[in-house]
Amino acid sequence: MTPSGTTGGTTARNGHAWDRTIRYWDAYSAVAWAATLAFVLDAAHPGPPVRIAPGDGTTVAVRLPVPAVVRRETE
């Protein structure tokens, strides 16, 4: 017997790699794939130009669909 429990030969280290539940990387890949698909489909039919109103950082952070890091000002 080999350490992996097989009787010899060359086999995969994890023979049941596909017999598992959905993991975090699977969800991440699905979200990244969907975002890429949405970006490509949206590029085929461009809309009006995006304009960001001048102002403080919170205005920009609210208008952009990305996570924003908010920094507190020290007094």
Foldseek 3Di string as FASTA:
>chain_A
DDPLPDPDDDDDSDNPPVPDDDDPVNVVVVVVVVVVVVVVVCVVPDDDDDDQDDDDPVSVCVPDPDDDDDDDDDD
